[in-house]
Amino acid sequence: MTEGFDVHTVRHRLKLKRDAGHSSLFTNQDAVACPACDEPFAEVFTTEKRAHSFQPTGSMRFCVVREDGRTLLFTHD
């Protein structure tokens, strides 16, 4: 696993779908690798909130990365 995931470094390869200030959702437009499994991810959800609720669809596979001050959820098709 790499040290940290810098959204700003790969921002030109992602599409912002939603931004609520404390959380954001991006779509992977260019096969950026997931820092947990090194495979391209479909979307990444980032949040600074301590708790967040969501409902995955179907048999979605996902990876979770915890960093200082935020949690990242990477979904895979």
PDB file of N, CA and C in Angstrom:
ATOM      1  N   MET A   1       0.841  -1.180   0.000  1.00  0.00           N
ATOM      2  CA  MET A   1       0.000   0.000   0.000  1.00  0.00           C
ATOM      3  C   MET A   1       0.884   1.240   0.000  1.00  0.00           C
ATOM      4  N   THR A   2       0.508   2.222  -0.797  1.00  0.00           N
ATOM      5  CA  THR A   2       1.273   3.459  -0.862  1.00  0.00           C
ATOM      6  C   THR A   2       0.952   4.334   0.335  1.00  0.00           C
ATOM      7  N   GLU A   3       1.826   5.284   0.606  1.00  0.00           N
ATOM      8  CA  GLU A   3       1.613   6.220   1.700  1.00  0.00           C
ATOM      9  C   GLU A   3       0.716   7.356   1.247  1.00  0.00           C
ATOM     10  N   GLY A   4      -0.511   7.366   1.690  1.00  0.00           N
ATOM     11  CA  GLY A   4      -1.447   8.434   1.372  1.00  0.00           C
ATOM     12  C   GLY A   4      -1.929   8.385  -0.069  1.00  0.00           C
ATOM     13  N   PHE A   5      -3.100   8.908  -0.289  1.00  0.00           N
ATOM     14  CA  PHE A   5      -3.668   9.013  -1.630  1.00  0.00           C
ATOM     15  C   PHE A   5      -3.959  10.480  -1.859  1.00  0.00           C
ATOM     16  N   ASP A   6      -3.207  11.117  -2.730  1.00  0.00           N
ATOM     17  CA  ASP A   6      -3.341  12.543  -2.984  1.00  0.00           C
ATOM     18  C   ASP A   6      -4.298  12.774  -4.152  1.00  0.00           C
ATOM     19  N   VAL A   7      -5.547  13.089  -3.837  1.00  0.00           N
ATOM     20  CA  VAL A   7      -6.565  13.343  -4.852  1.00  0.00           C
ATOM     21  C   VAL A   7      -6.106  14.460  -5.789  1.00  0.00           C
ATOM     22  N   HIS A   8      -5.446  15.463  -5.251  1.00  0.00           N
ATOM     23  CA  HIS A   8      -5.028  16.609  -6.065  1.00  0.00           C
ATOM     24  C   HIS A   8      -3.998  16.225  -7.128  1.00  0.00           C
ATOM     25  N   THR A   9      -3.150  15.242  -6.822  1.00  0.00           N
ATOM     26  CA  THR A   9      -2.142  14.791  -7.780  1.00  0.00           C
ATOM     27  C   THR A   9      -2.780  14.118  -8.993  1.00  0.00           C
ATOM     28  N   VAL A  10      -3.863  13.382  -8.780  1.00  0.00           N
ATOM     29  CA  VAL A  10      -4.523  12.657  -9.872  1.00  0.00           C
ATOM     30  C   VAL A  10      -5.853  13.301 -10.269  1.00  0.00           C
ATOM     31  N   ARG A  11      -6.106  14.500  -9.796  1.00  0.00           N
ATOM     32  CA  ARG A  11      -7.389  15.186 -10.030  1.00  0.00           C
ATOM     33  C   ARG A  11      -7.740  15.278 -11.511  1.00  0.00           C
ATOM     34  N   HIS A  12      -6.774  15.493 -12.375  1.00  0.00           N
ATOM     35  CA  HIS A  12      -7.015  15.600 -13.821  1.00  0.00           C
ATOM     36  C   HIS A  12      -7.473  14.267 -14.423  1.00  0.00           C
ATOM     37  N   ARG A  13      -7.335  13.176 -13.669  1.00  0.00           N
ATOM     38  CA  ARG A  13      -7.737  11.849 -14.129  1.00  0.00           C
ATOM     39  C   ARG A  13      -9.055  11.389 -13.496  1.00  0.00           C
ATOM     40  N   LEU A  14      -9.621  12.240 -12.638  1.00  0.00           N
ATOM     41  CA  LEU A  14     -10.866  11.947 -11.943  1.00  0.00           C
ATOM     42  C   LEU A  14     -11.933  12.967 -12.321  1.00  0.00           C
ATOM     43  N   LYS A  15     -13.203  12.593 -12.149  1.00  0.00           N
ATOM     44  CA  LYS A  15     -14.312  13.523 -12.372  1.00  0.00           C
ATOM     45  C   LYS A  15     -15.067  13.672 -11.061  1.00  0.00           C
ATOM     46  N   LEU A  16     -15.177  14.902 -10.586  1.00  0.00           N
ATOM     47  CA  LEU A  16     -15.919  15.186  -9.355  1.00  0.00           C
ATOM     48  C   LEU A  16     -17.409  15.004  -9.599  1.00  0.00           C
ATOM     49  N   LYS A  17     -18.042  14.133  -8.813  1.00  0.00           N
ATOM     50  CA  LYS A  17     -19.483  13.905  -8.928  1.00  0.00           C
ATOM     51  C   LYS A  17     -20.255  14.650  -7.838  1.00  0.00           C
ATOM     52  N   ARG A  18     -19.654  14.730  -6.639  1.00  0.00           N
ATOM     53  CA  ARG A  18     -20.333  15.357  -5.519  1.00  0.00           C
ATOM     54  C   ARG A  18     -19.308  15.905  -4.535  1.00  0.00           C
ATOM     55  N   ASP A  19     -19.576  17.098  -3.990  1.00  0.00           N
ATOM     56  CA  ASP A  19     -18.701  17.696  -2.984  1.00  0.00           C
ATOM     57  C   ASP A  19     -19.563  18.347  -1.916  1.00  0.00           C
ATOM     58  N   ALA A  20     -19.467  17.837  -0.691  1.00  0.00           N
ATOM     59  CA  ALA A  20     -20.250  18.373   0.424  1.00  0.00           C
ATOM     60  C   ALA A  20     -19.359  19.075   1.439  1.00  0.00           C
ATOM     61  N   GLY A  21     -18.139  19.419   1.053  1.00  0.00           N
ATOM     62  CA  GLY A  21     -17.222  20.075   1.980  1.00  0.00           C
ATOM     63  C   GLY A  21     -16.444  19.071   2.807  1.00  0.00           C
ATOM     64  N   HIS A  22     -17.136  18.282   3.609  1.00  0.00           N
ATOM     65  CA  HIS A  22     -16.505  17.266   4.455  1.00  0.00           C
ATOM     66  C   HIS A  22     -16.373  15.921   3.753  1.00  0.00           C
ATOM     67  N   SER A  23     -17.035  15.760   2.601  1.00  0.00           N
ATOM     68  CA  SER A  23     -16.936  14.520   1.837  1.00  0.00           C
ATOM     69  C   SER A  23     -17.055  14.809   0.350  1.00  0.00           C
ATOM     70  N   SER A  24     -16.437  13.943  -0.465  1.00  0.00           N
ATOM     71  CA  SER A  24     -16.449  14.104  -1.924  1.00  0.00           C
ATOM     72  C   SER A  24     -16.549  12.738  -2.582  1.00  0.00           C
ATOM     73  N   LEU A  25     -17.095  12.725  -3.792  1.00  0.00           N
ATOM     74  CA  LEU A  25     -17.187  11.508  -4.585  1.00  0.00           C
ATOM     75  C   LEU A  25     -16.616  11.802  -5.967  1.00  0.00           C
ATOM     76  N   PHE A  26     -15.668  10.977  -6.396  1.00  0.00           N
ATOM     77  CA  PHE A  26     -15.014  11.125  -7.690  1.00  0.00           C
ATOM     78  C   PHE A  26     -15.168   9.839  -8.493  1.00  0.00           C
ATOM     79  N   THR A  27     -15.311   9.974  -9.817  1.00  0.00           N
ATOM     80  CA  THR A  27     -15.293   8.845 -10.739  1.00  0.00           C
ATOM     81  C   THR A  27     -13.908   8.771 -11.357  1.00  0.00           C
ATOM     82  N   ASN A  28     -13.389   7.570 -11.470  1.00  0.00           N
ATOM     83  CA  ASN A  28     -12.076   7.342 -12.064  1.00  0.00           C
ATOM     84  C   ASN A  28     -12.224   7.337 -13.582  1.00  0.00           C
ATOM     85  N   GLN A  29     -11.649   8.322 -14.249  1.00  0.00           N
ATOM     86  CA  GLN A  29     -11.762   8.467 -15.700  1.00  0.00           C
ATOM     87  C   GLN A  29     -10.578   7.852 -16.454  1.00  0.00           C
ATOM     88  N   ASP A  30      -9.513   7.455 -15.721  1.00  0.00           N
ATOM     89  CA  ASP A  30      -8.279   7.080 -16.419  1.00  0.00           C
ATOM     90  C   ASP A  30      -7.506   5.955 -15.724  1.00  0.00           C
ATOM     91  N   ALA A  31      -8.195   4.958 -15.209  1.00  0.00           N
ATOM     92  CA  ALA A  31      -7.560   3.762 -14.623  1.00  0.00           C
ATOM     93  C   ALA A  31      -6.542   4.065 -13.525  1.00  0.00           C
ATOM     94  N   VAL A  32      -6.819   5.048 -12.663  1.00  0.00           N
ATOM     95  CA  VAL A  32      -5.960   5.317 -11.509  1.00  0.00           C
ATOM     96  C   VAL A  32      -6.031   4.099 -10.588  1.00  0.00           C
ATOM     97  N   ALA A  33      -4.898   3.681 -10.052  1.00  0.00           N
ATOM     98  CA  ALA A  33      -4.834   2.494  -9.197  1.00  0.00           C
ATOM     99  C   ALA A  33      -5.304   2.788  -7.775  1.00  0.00           C
ATOM    100  N   CYS A  34      -6.011   1.833  -7.204  1.00  0.00           N
ATOM    101  CA  CYS A  34      -6.434   1.879  -5.804  1.00  0.00           C
ATOM    102  C   CYS A  34      -5.205   1.680  -4.921  1.00  0.00           C
ATOM    103  N   PRO A  35      -5.027   2.496  -3.893  1.00  0.00           N
ATOM    104  CA  PRO A  35      -3.852   2.335  -3.033  1.00  0.00           C
ATOM    105  C   PRO A  35      -3.901   1.091  -2.150  1.00  0.00           C
ATOM    106  N   ALA A  36      -5.069   0.471  -2.016  1.00  0.00           N
ATOM    107  CA  ALA A  36      -5.182  -0.736  -1.184  1.00  0.00           C
ATOM    108  C   ALA A  36      -4.859  -2.009  -1.956  1.00  0.00           C
ATOM    109  N   CYS A  37      -5.314  -2.098  -3.224  1.00  0.00           N
ATOM    110  CA  CYS A  37      -5.132  -3.350  -3.978  1.00  0.00           C
ATOM    111  C   CYS A  37      -4.363  -3.169  -5.285  1.00  0.00           C
ATOM    112  N   ASP A  38      -4.027  -1.944  -5.633  1.00  0.00           N
ATOM    113  CA  ASP A  38      -3.270  -1.614  -6.851  1.00  0.00           C
ATOM    114  C   ASP A  38      -4.015  -1.886  -8.155  1.00  0.00           C
ATOM    115  N   GLU A  39      -5.315  -2.136  -8.087  1.00  0.00           N
ATOM    116  CA  GLU A  39      -6.133  -2.300  -9.291  1.00  0.00           C
ATOM    117  C   GLU A  39      -6.903  -1.006  -9.532  1.00  0.00           C
ATOM    118  N   PRO A  40      -7.251  -0.696 -10.790  1.00  0.00           N
ATOM    119  CA  PRO A  40      -8.040   0.508 -11.060  1.00  0.00           C
ATOM    120  C   PRO A  40      -9.379   0.462 -10.312  1.00  0.00           C
ATOM    121  N   PHE A  41      -9.781   1.583  -9.765  1.00  0.00           N
ATOM    122  CA  PHE A  41     -11.058   1.663  -9.056  1.00  0.00           C
ATOM    123  C   PHE A  41     -12.083   2.372  -9.926  1.00  0.00           C
ATOM    124  N   ALA A  42     -13.368   2.213  -9.608  1.00  0.00           N
ATOM    125  CA  ALA A  42     -14.447   2.873 -10.343  1.00  0.00           C
ATOM    126  C   ALA A  42     -14.711   4.264  -9.772  1.00  0.00           C
ATOM    127  N   GLU A  43     -14.882   4.336  -8.441  1.00  0.00           N
ATOM    128  CA  GLU A  43     -15.134   5.606  -7.761  1.00  0.00           C
ATOM    129  C   GLU A  43     -14.366   5.629  -6.454  1.00  0.00           C
ATOM    130  N   VAL A  44     -14.113   6.836  -5.972  1.00  0.00           N
ATOM    131  CA  VAL A  44     -13.535   6.998  -4.639  1.00  0.00           C
ATOM    132  C   VAL A  44     -14.390   8.005  -3.876  1.00  0.00           C
ATOM    133  N   PHE A  45     -14.771   7.612  -2.668  1.00  0.00           N
ATOM    134  CA  PHE A  45     -15.520   8.469  -1.760  1.00  0.00           C
ATOM    135  C   PHE A  45     -14.571   8.836  -0.636  1.00  0.00           C
ATOM    136  N   THR A  46     -14.388  10.122  -0.380  1.00  0.00           N
ATOM    137  CA  THR A  46     -13.527  10.579   0.701  1.00  0.00           C
ATOM    138  C   THR A  46     -14.378  11.311   1.723  1.00  0.00           C
ATOM    139  N   THR A  47     -14.091  11.094   3.000  1.00  0.00           N
ATOM    140  CA  THR A  47     -14.828  11.799   4.041  1.00  0.00           C
ATOM    141  C   THR A  47     -13.926  12.101   5.225  1.00  0.00           C
ATOM    142  N   GLU A  48     -14.157  13.252   5.814  1.00  0.00           N
ATOM    143  CA  GLU A  48     -13.459  13.652   7.032  1.00  0.00           C
ATOM    144  C   GLU A  48     -14.333  13.399   8.248  1.00  0.00           C
ATOM    145  N   LYS A  49     -15.599  13.021   8.015  1.00  0.00           N
ATOM    146  CA  LYS A  49     -16.514  12.740   9.111  1.00  0.00           C
ATOM    147  C   LYS A  49     -16.135  11.434   9.793  1.00  0.00           C
ATOM    148  N   ARG A  50     -16.402  11.354  11.071  1.00  0.00           N
ATOM    149  CA  ARG A  50     -16.092  10.154  11.851  1.00  0.00           C
ATOM    150  C   ARG A  50     -16.971   8.978  11.428  1.00  0.00           C
ATOM    151  N   ALA A  51     -18.228   9.256  11.086  1.00  0.00           N
ATOM    152  CA  ALA A  51     -19.161   8.199  10.680  1.00  0.00           C
ATOM    153  C   ALA A  51     -19.906   8.646   9.427  1.00  0.00           C
ATOM    154  N   HIS A  52     -20.153   7.711   8.549  1.00  0.00           N
ATOM    155  CA  HIS A  52     -20.888   8.011   7.325  1.00  0.00           C
ATOM    156  C   HIS A  52     -21.635   6.757   6.917  1.00  0.00           C
ATOM    157  N   SER A  53     -22.868   6.904   6.465  1.00  0.00           N
ATOM    158  CA  SER A  53     -23.683   5.772   6.071  1.00  0.00           C
ATOM    159  C   SER A  53     -23.870   5.779   4.552  1.00  0.00           C
ATOM    160  N   PHE A  54     -23.824   4.600   3.941  1.00  0.00           N
ATOM    161  CA  PHE A  54     -24.042   4.472   2.508  1.00  0.00           C
ATOM    162  C   PHE A  54     -24.559   3.069   2.240  1.00  0.00           C
ATOM    163  N   GLN A  55     -25.125   2.867   1.060  1.00  0.00           N
ATOM    164  CA  GLN A  55     -25.649   1.558   0.687  1.00  0.00           C
ATOM    165  C   GLN A  55     -25.055   1.133  -0.646  1.00  0.00           C
ATOM    166  N   PRO A  56     -24.128   0.170  -0.625  1.00  0.00           N
ATOM    167  CA  PRO A  56     -23.554  -0.324  -1.884  1.00  0.00           C
ATOM    168  C   PRO A  56     -24.617  -1.053  -2.708  1.00  0.00           C
ATOM    169  N   THR A  57     -24.427  -1.068  -4.005  1.00  0.00           N
ATOM    170  CA  THR A  57     -25.370  -1.745  -4.884  1.00  0.00           C
ATOM    171  C   THR A  57     -24.814  -3.089  -5.335  1.00  0.00           C
ATOM    172  N   GLY A  58     -25.693  -4.052  -5.529  1.00  0.00           N
ATOM    173  CA  GLY A  58     -25.304  -5.352  -6.061  1.00  0.00           C
ATOM    174  C   GLY A  58     -24.202  -6.029  -5.280  1.00  0.00           C
ATOM    175  N   SER A  59     -23.277  -6.630  -5.997  1.00  0.00           N
ATOM    176  CA  SER A  59     -22.161  -7.330  -5.364  1.00  0.00           C
ATOM    177  C   SER A  59     -20.884  -6.509  -5.509  1.00  0.00           C
ATOM    178  N   MET A  60     -20.996  -5.230  -5.221  1.00  0.00           N
ATOM    179  CA  MET A  60     -19.881  -4.297  -5.358  1.00  0.00           C
ATOM    180  C   MET A  60     -18.714  -4.694  -4.445  1.00  0.00           C
ATOM    181  N   ARG A  61     -17.524  -4.687  -5.001  1.00  0.00           N
ATOM    182  CA  ARG A  61     -16.303  -4.905  -4.219  1.00  0.00           C
ATOM    183  C   ARG A  61     -15.743  -3.538  -3.870  1.00  0.00           C
ATOM    184  N   PHE A  62     -15.241  -3.373  -2.645  1.00  0.00           N
ATOM    185  CA  PHE A  62     -14.654  -2.095  -2.278  1.00  0.00           C
ATOM    186  C   PHE A  62     -13.467  -2.279  -1.354  1.00  0.00           C
ATOM    187  N   CYS A  63     -12.614  -1.250  -1.339  1.00  0.00           N
ATOM    188  CA  CYS A  63     -11.444  -1.193  -0.471  1.00  0.00           C
ATOM    189  C   CYS A  63     -11.579   0.052   0.404  1.00  0.00           C
ATOM    190  N   VAL A  64     -11.091  -0.030   1.623  1.00  0.00           N
ATOM    191  CA  VAL A  64     -11.143   1.097   2.553  1.00  0.00           C
ATOM    192  C   VAL A  64      -9.721   1.441   2.965  1.00  0.00           C
ATOM    193  N   VAL A  65      -9.403   2.728   2.928  1.00  0.00           N
ATOM    194  CA  VAL A  65      -8.095   3.223   3.360  1.00  0.00           C
ATOM    195  C   VAL A  65      -8.332   4.288   4.417  1.00  0.00           C
ATOM    196  N   ARG A  66      -7.709   4.139   5.572  1.00  0.00           N
ATOM    197  CA  ARG A  66      -7.824   5.116   6.657  1.00  0.00           C
ATOM    198  C   ARG A  66      -6.529   5.899   6.739  1.00  0.00           C
ATOM    199  N   GLU A  67      -6.654   7.218   6.673  1.00  0.00           N
ATOM    200  CA  GLU A  67      -5.500   8.114   6.814  1.00  0.00           C
ATOM    201  C   GLU A  67      -5.772   9.059   7.972  1.00  0.00           C
ATOM    202  N   ASP A  68      -4.769   9.799   8.390  1.00  0.00           N
ATOM    203  CA  ASP A  68      -4.978  10.797   9.430  1.00  0.00           C
ATOM    204  C   ASP A  68      -6.027  11.795   8.974  1.00  0.00           C
ATOM    205  N   GLY A  69      -7.140  11.845   9.663  1.00  0.00           N
ATOM    206  CA  GLY A  69      -8.147  12.860   9.388  1.00  0.00           C
ATOM    207  C   GLY A  69      -9.156  12.536   8.304  1.00  0.00           C
ATOM    208  N   ARG A  70      -9.024  11.386   7.617  1.00  0.00           N
ATOM    209  CA  ARG A  70     -10.019  11.053   6.589  1.00  0.00           C
ATOM    210  C   ARG A  70     -10.028   9.554   6.307  1.00  0.00           C
ATOM    211  N   THR A  71     -11.146   9.133   5.734  1.00  0.00           N
ATOM    212  CA  THR A  71     -11.321   7.757   5.299  1.00  0.00           C
ATOM    213  C   THR A  71     -11.645   7.784   3.816  1.00  0.00           C
ATOM    214  N   LEU A  72     -11.107   6.847   3.049  1.00  0.00           N
ATOM    215  CA  LEU A  72     -11.355   6.743   1.623  1.00  0.00           C
ATOM    216  C   LEU A  72     -11.965   5.376   1.325  1.00  0.00           C
ATOM    217  N   LEU A  73     -13.012   5.375   0.539  1.00  0.00           N
ATOM    218  CA  LEU A  73     -13.684   4.151   0.115  1.00  0.00           C
ATOM    219  C   LEU A  73     -13.577   4.060  -1.395  1.00  0.00           C
ATOM    220  N   PHE A  74     -12.897   3.022  -1.876  1.00  0.00           N
ATOM    221  CA  PHE A  74     -12.703   2.809  -3.319  1.00  0.00           C
ATOM    222  C   PHE A  74     -13.624   1.689  -3.764  1.00  0.00           C
ATOM    223  N   THR A  75     -14.485   1.943  -4.763  1.00  0.00           N
ATOM    224  CA  THR A  75     -15.350   0.895  -5.296  1.00  0.00           C
ATOM    225  C   THR A  75     -14.731   0.329  -6.562  1.00  0.00           C
ATOM    226  N   HIS A  76     -15.006  -0.949  -6.803  1.00  0.00           N
ATOM    227  CA  HIS A  76     -14.507  -1.647  -7.985  1.00  0.00           C
ATOM    228  C   HIS A  76     -15.675  -2.302  -8.698  1.00  0.00           C
ATOM    229  N   ASP A  77     -15.655  -2.250 -10.035  1.00  0.00           N
ATOM    230  CA  ASP A  77     -16.712  -2.888 -10.823  1.00  0.00           C
ATOM    231  C   ASP A  77     -16.583  -4.383 -10.792  1.00  0.00           C
TER     232      ASP A  77
END
